[in-house]
Amino acid sequence: MKDSMKPLVEASLLLPIVALAFVLIAPERPRDISLAPPAGPQADEPAVPQQPVPPERTLATFGQIAALFGWTPPAAAAPAAARTPAAPTAVEAAWLKPIGFVIDEKGDPTYIFKDIRAGAVIPLTLRKENKGWTLLEVREREFLLAFDAKRYIVKRGK
């Protein structure tokens, strides 16, 4: 009895494998799906208006897909003549020394600098002019100041 069952078991295992291989290897036939009614109305059927056939689908480009997520292509570089001139380079002002800062009632700091050459004390608030000097930026290790359209760097904590 065991010997007679062996071909039956092998056939039942082999049959799905052969069917799967046939499905994977056989070419797919194009399906004819038509939205239009058959040609000519039948005598007993009322005429149905034809629906437009949808256009063929095309693949989207990378730019079209990326635009859905907010990506924009990088802007082209401006010609050399149209570029704005770079900000003037800053020179280190060794004669200016930072002394400290004071915070006013609004919570804004006023930084105090000592001009060693003139012996003057210059209090500066960010973006406000005093005695011709303007404090442009307060950086981690330096201050950026302006005087007579020139930029100066004053190192912190020397």
Protein backbone atom coordinates (compact mmCIF):
# COMPACT_ATOMS: atom_id res chain seq x y z
CA MET A 1 0.00 0.00 0.00
CA LYS A 2 2.84 2.39 0.80
CA ASP A 3 4.34 1.89 -2.63
CA SER A 4 1.07 2.70 -4.38
CA MET A 5 0.67 5.98 -2.44
CA LYS A 6 4.15 7.27 -3.25
CA PRO A 7 3.39 8.30 -6.90
CA LEU A 8 0.14 9.93 -5.77
CA VAL A 9 1.96 12.06 -3.15
CA GLU A 10 4.71 12.98 -5.61
CA ALA A 11 2.14 13.98 -8.24
CA SER A 12 0.21 16.13 -5.76
CA LEU A 13 3.44 17.97 -4.85
CA LEU A 14 4.66 18.27 -8.44
CA LEU A 15 1.38 19.56 -9.91
CA PRO A 16 1.37 22.99 -8.08
CA ILE A 17 5.06 23.49 -8.94
CA VAL A 18 4.42 22.90 -12.64
CA ALA A 19 1.37 25.17 -12.59
CA LEU A 20 3.33 27.97 -10.90
CA ALA A 21 6.18 27.62 -13.40
CA PHE A 22 3.71 27.80 -16.29
CA VAL A 23 2.11 30.97 -14.90
CA LEU A 24 5.50 32.64 -14.43
CA ILE A 25 6.93 31.62 -17.80
CA ALA A 26 3.87 31.99 -20.06
CA PRO A 27 3.59 35.43 -21.74
CA GLU A 28 0.73 37.57 -20.56
CA ARG A 29 -1.91 38.25 -23.14
CA PRO A 30 -3.19 41.82 -23.39
CA ARG A 31 -6.67 42.15 -22.00
CA ASP A 32 -9.30 43.94 -24.03
CA ILE A 33 -11.14 46.17 -21.61
CA SER A 34 -13.35 48.51 -23.50
CA LEU A 35 -15.56 51.11 -21.89
CA ALA A 36 -17.46 51.71 -25.11
CA PRO A 37 -20.69 49.82 -25.72
CA PRO A 38 -20.76 47.31 -28.52
CA ALA A 39 -20.97 48.76 -32.03
CA GLY A 40 -24.50 49.79 -32.94
CA PRO A 41 -27.41 49.77 -30.53
CA GLN A 42 -29.68 46.78 -30.50
CA ALA A 43 -33.23 47.31 -31.58
CA ASP A 44 -34.62 46.60 -28.12
CA GLU A 45 -31.91 48.51 -26.16
CA PRO A 46 -31.83 52.31 -25.80
CA ALA A 47 -28.67 54.04 -27.02
CA VAL A 48 -26.15 54.75 -24.24
CA PRO A 49 -23.93 57.82 -24.64
CA GLN A 50 -20.30 56.93 -25.19
CA GLN A 51 -17.92 57.69 -22.33
CA PRO A 52 -14.53 59.12 -23.23
CA VAL A 53 -11.68 56.67 -23.14
CA PRO A 54 -9.12 57.66 -20.49
CA PRO A 55 -5.72 58.75 -21.84
CA GLU A 56 -2.81 56.38 -21.67
CA ARG A 57 -0.82 56.56 -18.47
CA THR A 58 2.74 57.78 -18.54
CA LEU A 59 5.39 57.51 -15.87
CA ALA A 60 6.08 60.56 -13.76
CA THR A 61 9.53 62.11 -13.79
CA PHE A 62 11.72 62.51 -10.72
CA GLY A 63 11.00 66.24 -10.58
CA GLN A 64 7.25 65.71 -10.66
CA ILE A 65 7.36 63.19 -7.83
CA ALA A 66 9.78 65.24 -5.75
CA ALA A 67 7.61 68.36 -6.20
CA LEU A 68 4.81 66.54 -4.38
CA PHE A 69 7.04 66.49 -1.30
CA GLY A 70 8.08 70.15 -1.53
CA TRP A 71 11.38 69.75 -3.40
CA THR A 72 12.32 72.52 -5.78
CA PRO A 73 15.17 72.40 -8.27
CA PRO A 74 18.23 74.41 -7.29
CA ALA A 75 18.35 77.91 -8.71
CA ALA A 76 20.89 78.58 -11.41
CA ALA A 77 23.91 80.58 -10.32
CA ALA A 78 23.81 84.26 -11.20
CA PRO A 79 26.39 85.48 -13.72
CA ALA A 80 29.57 86.93 -12.21
CA ALA A 81 28.70 90.49 -13.22
CA ALA A 82 25.25 90.35 -11.59
CA ARG A 83 26.48 89.07 -8.23
CA THR A 84 26.49 91.47 -5.33
CA PRO A 85 29.89 92.41 -3.96
CA ALA A 86 31.00 90.46 -0.90
CA ALA A 87 30.83 92.08 2.50
CA PRO A 88 34.00 93.94 3.40
CA THR A 89 36.56 91.84 5.22
CA ALA A 90 36.99 92.48 8.91
CA VAL A 91 40.30 93.51 10.47
CA GLU A 92 41.23 92.69 14.05
CA ALA A 93 41.11 95.77 16.27
CA ALA A 94 43.81 95.01 18.84
CA TRP A 95 43.41 98.48 20.47
CA LEU A 96 39.82 97.65 21.55
CA LYS A 97 39.35 95.44 24.61
CA PRO A 98 36.01 94.09 25.83
CA ILE A 99 35.43 94.96 29.48
CA GLY A 100 32.03 93.34 30.09
CA PHE A 101 28.35 93.94 29.64
CA VAL A 102 25.34 95.41 31.44
CA ILE A 103 21.71 94.33 30.97
CA ASP A 104 19.11 97.11 30.85
CA GLU A 105 15.52 96.99 32.16
CA LYS A 106 14.27 95.52 28.84
CA GLY A 107 16.77 92.65 29.10
CA ASP A 108 18.99 93.90 26.24
CA PRO A 109 22.75 93.66 26.89
CA THR A 110 25.03 96.66 26.42
CA TYR A 111 28.64 95.61 25.81
CA ILE A 112 31.42 97.87 27.08
CA PHE A 113 34.71 98.26 25.18
CA LYS A 114 37.88 100.17 26.12
CA ASP A 115 39.76 102.05 23.40
CA ILE A 116 43.36 101.77 24.65
CA ARG A 117 44.72 104.33 22.18
CA ALA A 118 42.29 107.11 23.09
CA GLY A 119 41.58 105.96 26.67
CA ALA A 120 37.83 106.09 25.98
CA VAL A 121 35.11 103.72 27.13
CA ILE A 122 32.57 102.81 24.42
CA PRO A 123 29.22 101.21 25.46
CA LEU A 124 27.56 99.47 22.48
CA THR A 125 24.15 97.90 22.09
CA LEU A 126 23.50 95.54 19.19
CA ARG A 127 22.79 97.46 15.92
CA LYS A 128 22.89 100.90 17.60
CA GLU A 129 25.56 103.50 16.89
CA ASN A 130 27.59 105.21 19.62
CA LYS A 131 30.56 107.53 18.99
CA GLY A 132 30.71 106.29 15.38
CA TRP A 133 30.90 102.62 16.42
CA THR A 134 28.19 100.03 15.75
CA LEU A 135 28.05 96.52 17.23
CA LEU A 136 27.01 94.30 14.30
CA GLU A 137 27.29 90.79 15.76
CA VAL A 138 28.06 89.06 19.01
CA ARG A 139 29.74 85.76 18.26
CA GLU A 140 30.94 82.98 20.53
CA ARG A 141 34.60 84.06 20.53
CA GLU A 142 34.50 87.55 19.06
CA PHE A 143 32.53 90.72 18.41
CA LEU A 144 31.99 92.26 14.97
CA LEU A 145 32.01 96.06 15.01
CA ALA A 146 31.78 98.73 12.32
CA PHE A 147 33.34 102.21 12.19
CA ASP A 148 33.45 104.47 9.11
CA ALA A 149 32.19 101.69 6.77
CA LYS A 150 34.99 99.37 7.91
CA ARG A 151 34.52 96.20 9.90
CA TYR A 152 36.57 95.24 12.93
CA ILE A 153 36.83 92.07 14.98
CA VAL A 154 37.41 92.25 18.73
CA LYS A 155 38.43 88.95 20.32
CA ARG A 156 36.70 87.90 23.53
CA GLY A 157 38.44 86.76 26.69
CA LYS A 158 42.10 87.51 25.95
